Amino acid sequence: MKRTLQLLFLALILSFSVSAQNEAKIESKRLMTLCNKLEGTYQVQVIDSRDKTEIPLWIMDSIEAKRQVNTVVYFPIKNNVRVMVLPLNVINKKGFVPLPRIANIPSSH
């Protein structure tokens, strides 16, 4: 009986682990799809540095949530890194040129 309970407990733990891994994969896939959809409509700006920066996937939800119709939005993700989100009126203009994903800019901007 004790052995059976141990095996059931182990199976339960393994099923939670597999479930969590599946949820993480689903979330990662969702964010990658969103990242591809938003490509060119935002820019990660590294200020006063030539350091390479990684773009965390979680900002994709923030980009979509913060986007305005007529106003460019900026929000920080680190001390010297911000995200510029283009407004819908710019993105929907004929001849829209997508932005590079990352730009190094001086602090005077």
C-alpha atoms as a PDB file:
ATOM      1  CA  MET A   1       0.000   0.000   0.000  1.00  0.00           C
ATOM      2  CA  LYS A   2       2.795   2.423   0.898  1.00  0.00           C
ATOM      3  CA  ARG A   3       4.574   1.607  -2.382  1.00  0.00           C
ATOM      4  CA  THR A   4       1.369   2.224  -4.357  1.00  0.00           C
ATOM      5  CA  LEU A   5       0.918   5.634  -2.712  1.00  0.00           C
ATOM      6  CA  GLN A   6       4.524   6.529  -3.517  1.00  0.00           C
ATOM      7  CA  LEU A   7       4.037   5.561  -7.150  1.00  0.00           C
ATOM      8  CA  LEU A   8       0.797   7.541  -7.380  1.00  0.00           C
ATOM      9  CA  PHE A   9       2.495  10.570  -5.835  1.00  0.00           C
ATOM     10  CA  LEU A  10       5.396  10.280  -8.297  1.00  0.00           C
ATOM     11  CA  ALA A  11       2.974   9.977 -11.227  1.00  0.00           C
ATOM     12  CA  LEU A  12       1.110  13.046 -10.002  1.00  0.00           C
ATOM     13  CA  ILE A  13       4.317  15.088  -9.779  1.00  0.00           C
ATOM     14  CA  LEU A  14       5.379  13.979 -13.260  1.00  0.00           C
ATOM     15  CA  SER A  15       2.013  14.892 -14.733  1.00  0.00           C
ATOM     16  CA  PHE A  16       2.242  18.396 -13.218  1.00  0.00           C
ATOM     17  CA  SER A  17       5.747  18.772 -14.641  1.00  0.00           C
ATOM     18  CA  VAL A  18       4.643  17.698 -18.129  1.00  0.00           C
ATOM     19  CA  SER A  19       1.622  19.997 -17.932  1.00  0.00           C
ATOM     20  CA  ALA A  20       3.794  22.966 -16.922  1.00  0.00           C
ATOM     21  CA  GLN A  21       6.223  22.248 -19.762  1.00  0.00           C
ATOM     22  CA  ASN A  22       3.361  22.085 -22.259  1.00  0.00           C
ATOM     23  CA  GLU A  23       1.927  25.376 -21.002  1.00  0.00           C
ATOM     24  CA  ALA A  24       5.368  27.026 -21.274  1.00  0.00           C
ATOM     25  CA  LYS A  25       5.726  25.773 -24.854  1.00  0.00           C
ATOM     26  CA  ILE A  26       2.265  27.034 -25.780  1.00  0.00           C
ATOM     27  CA  GLU A  27       2.979  30.454 -24.252  1.00  0.00           C
ATOM     28  CA  SER A  28       6.354  30.663 -25.968  1.00  0.00           C
ATOM     29  CA  LYS A  29       4.773  29.783 -29.323  1.00  0.00           C
ATOM     30  CA  ARG A  30       2.044  32.402 -28.795  1.00  0.00           C
ATOM     31  CA  LEU A  31       4.614  35.088 -28.036  1.00  0.00           C
ATOM     32  CA  MET A  32       6.792  34.125 -31.021  1.00  0.00           C
ATOM     33  CA  THR A  33       3.752  34.351 -33.305  1.00  0.00           C
ATOM     34  CA  LEU A  34       2.946  37.774 -31.856  1.00  0.00           C
ATOM     35  CA  CYS A  35       6.600  38.813 -32.245  1.00  0.00           C
ATOM     36  CA  ASN A  36       6.479  37.933 -35.948  1.00  0.00           C
ATOM     37  CA  LYS A  37       3.184  39.804 -36.375  1.00  0.00           C
ATOM     38  CA  LEU A  38       4.564  42.942 -34.708  1.00  0.00           C
ATOM     39  CA  GLU A  39       7.932  42.862 -36.503  1.00  0.00           C
ATOM     40  CA  GLY A  40       8.843  46.272 -37.903  1.00  0.00           C
ATOM     41  CA  THR A  41       6.204  48.146 -35.921  1.00  0.00           C
ATOM     42  CA  TYR A  42       8.353  48.671 -32.820  1.00  0.00           C
ATOM     43  CA  GLN A  43      12.008  49.284 -32.081  1.00  0.00           C
ATOM     44  CA  VAL A  44      14.145  48.448 -29.070  1.00  0.00           C
ATOM     45  CA  GLN A  45      16.381  51.476 -28.560  1.00  0.00           C
ATOM     46  CA  VAL A  46      19.660  51.109 -26.678  1.00  0.00           C
ATOM     47  CA  ILE A  47      20.639  54.537 -25.393  1.00  0.00           C
ATOM     48  CA  ASP A  48      24.295  55.680 -25.203  1.00  0.00           C
ATOM     49  CA  SER A  49      25.638  52.160 -25.584  1.00  0.00           C
ATOM     50  CA  ARG A  50      26.747  49.731 -28.243  1.00  0.00           C
ATOM     51  CA  ASP A  51      25.946  46.771 -26.028  1.00  0.00           C
ATOM     52  CA  LYS A  52      23.904  44.020 -27.555  1.00  0.00           C
ATOM     53  CA  THR A  53      20.601  43.525 -25.853  1.00  0.00           C
ATOM     54  CA  GLU A  54      18.245  40.618 -25.819  1.00  0.00           C
ATOM     55  CA  ILE A  55      14.603  41.266 -26.484  1.00  0.00           C
ATOM     56  CA  PRO A  56      12.476  39.462 -23.926  1.00  0.00           C
ATOM     57  CA  LEU A  57       9.362  37.929 -25.417  1.00  0.00           C
ATOM     58  CA  TRP A  58       7.145  39.295 -22.640  1.00  0.00           C
ATOM     59  CA  ILE A  59       7.393  42.790 -24.141  1.00  0.00           C
ATOM     60  CA  MET A  60       5.295  41.668 -27.126  1.00  0.00           C
ATOM     61  CA  ASP A  61       2.139  41.799 -25.019  1.00  0.00           C
ATOM     62  CA  SER A  62       3.173  45.246 -23.739  1.00  0.00           C
ATOM     63  CA  ILE A  63       3.778  46.510 -27.275  1.00  0.00           C
ATOM     64  CA  GLU A  64       0.346  45.422 -28.385  1.00  0.00           C
ATOM     65  CA  ALA A  65      -1.350  46.805 -25.256  1.00  0.00           C
ATOM     66  CA  LYS A  66       0.416  50.189 -25.358  1.00  0.00           C
ATOM     67  CA  ARG A  67       0.030  50.890 -29.089  1.00  0.00           C
ATOM     68  CA  GLN A  68      -1.970  54.065 -29.795  1.00  0.00           C
ATOM     69  CA  VAL A  69      -3.812  55.235 -32.902  1.00  0.00           C
ATOM     70  CA  ASN A  70      -1.957  58.549 -33.402  1.00  0.00           C
ATOM     71  CA  THR A  71       0.856  58.731 -30.843  1.00  0.00           C
ATOM     72  CA  VAL A  72       4.299  57.142 -30.706  1.00  0.00           C
ATOM     73  CA  VAL A  73       4.704  55.430 -27.326  1.00  0.00           C
ATOM     74  CA  TYR A  74       7.978  54.795 -25.485  1.00  0.00           C
ATOM     75  CA  PHE A  75       8.386  52.512 -22.497  1.00  0.00           C
ATOM     76  CA  PRO A  76      11.523  51.430 -20.624  1.00  0.00           C
ATOM     77  CA  ILE A  77      12.638  47.833 -20.229  1.00  0.00           C
ATOM     78  CA  LYS A  78      16.050  48.617 -18.626  1.00  0.00           C
ATOM     79  CA  ASN A  79      17.866  51.762 -17.474  1.00  0.00           C
ATOM     80  CA  ASN A  80      19.309  52.451 -20.929  1.00  0.00           C
ATOM     81  CA  VAL A  81      16.864  50.471 -23.071  1.00  0.00           C
ATOM     82  CA  ARG A  82      13.439  51.568 -24.182  1.00  0.00           C
ATOM     83  CA  VAL A  83      10.874  50.370 -26.689  1.00  0.00           C
ATOM     84  CA  MET A  84       9.410  52.717 -29.266  1.00  0.00           C
ATOM     85  CA  VAL A  85       5.957  51.641 -30.456  1.00  0.00           C
ATOM     86  CA  LEU A  86       4.700  53.147 -33.690  1.00  0.00           C
ATOM     87  CA  PRO A  87       1.056  54.248 -33.824  1.00  0.00           C
ATOM     88  CA  LEU A  88      -1.495  52.587 -36.090  1.00  0.00           C
ATOM     89  CA  ASN A  89      -1.796  55.633 -38.372  1.00  0.00           C
ATOM     90  CA  VAL A  90       1.924  55.340 -39.245  1.00  0.00           C
ATOM     91  CA  ILE A  91       1.840  51.560 -39.697  1.00  0.00           C
ATOM     92  CA  ASN A  92      -1.230  51.705 -41.950  1.00  0.00           C
ATOM     93  CA  LYS A  93       0.144  54.442 -44.240  1.00  0.00           C
ATOM     94  CA  LYS A  94       0.854  53.497 -47.822  1.00  0.00           C
ATOM     95  CA  GLY A  95       4.604  53.027 -48.232  1.00  0.00           C
ATOM     96  CA  PHE A  96       5.222  52.211 -44.541  1.00  0.00           C
ATOM     97  CA  VAL A  97       8.844  51.138 -44.044  1.00  0.00           C
ATOM     98  CA  PRO A  98       9.292  48.648 -41.176  1.00  0.00           C
ATOM     99  CA  LEU A  99      11.741  49.643 -38.453  1.00  0.00           C
ATOM    100  CA  PRO A 100      14.901  47.693 -37.653  1.00  0.00           C
ATOM    101  CA  ARG A 101      14.323  45.657 -34.499  1.00  0.00           C
ATOM    102  CA  ILE A 102      17.169  47.272 -32.515  1.00  0.00           C
ATOM    103  CA  ALA A 103      18.797  50.715 -32.765  1.00  0.00           C
ATOM    104  CA  ASN A 104      21.637  52.275 -30.821  1.00  0.00           C
ATOM    105  CA  ILE A 105      20.858  55.937 -30.203  1.00  0.00           C
ATOM    106  CA  PRO A 106      22.456  58.821 -28.285  1.00  0.00           C
ATOM    107  CA  SER A 107      20.651  60.154 -25.234  1.00  0.00           C
ATOM    108  CA  SER A 108      19.956  63.442 -27.000  1.00  0.00           C
ATOM    109  CA  HIS A 109      17.010  61.757 -28.808  1.00  0.00           C
END
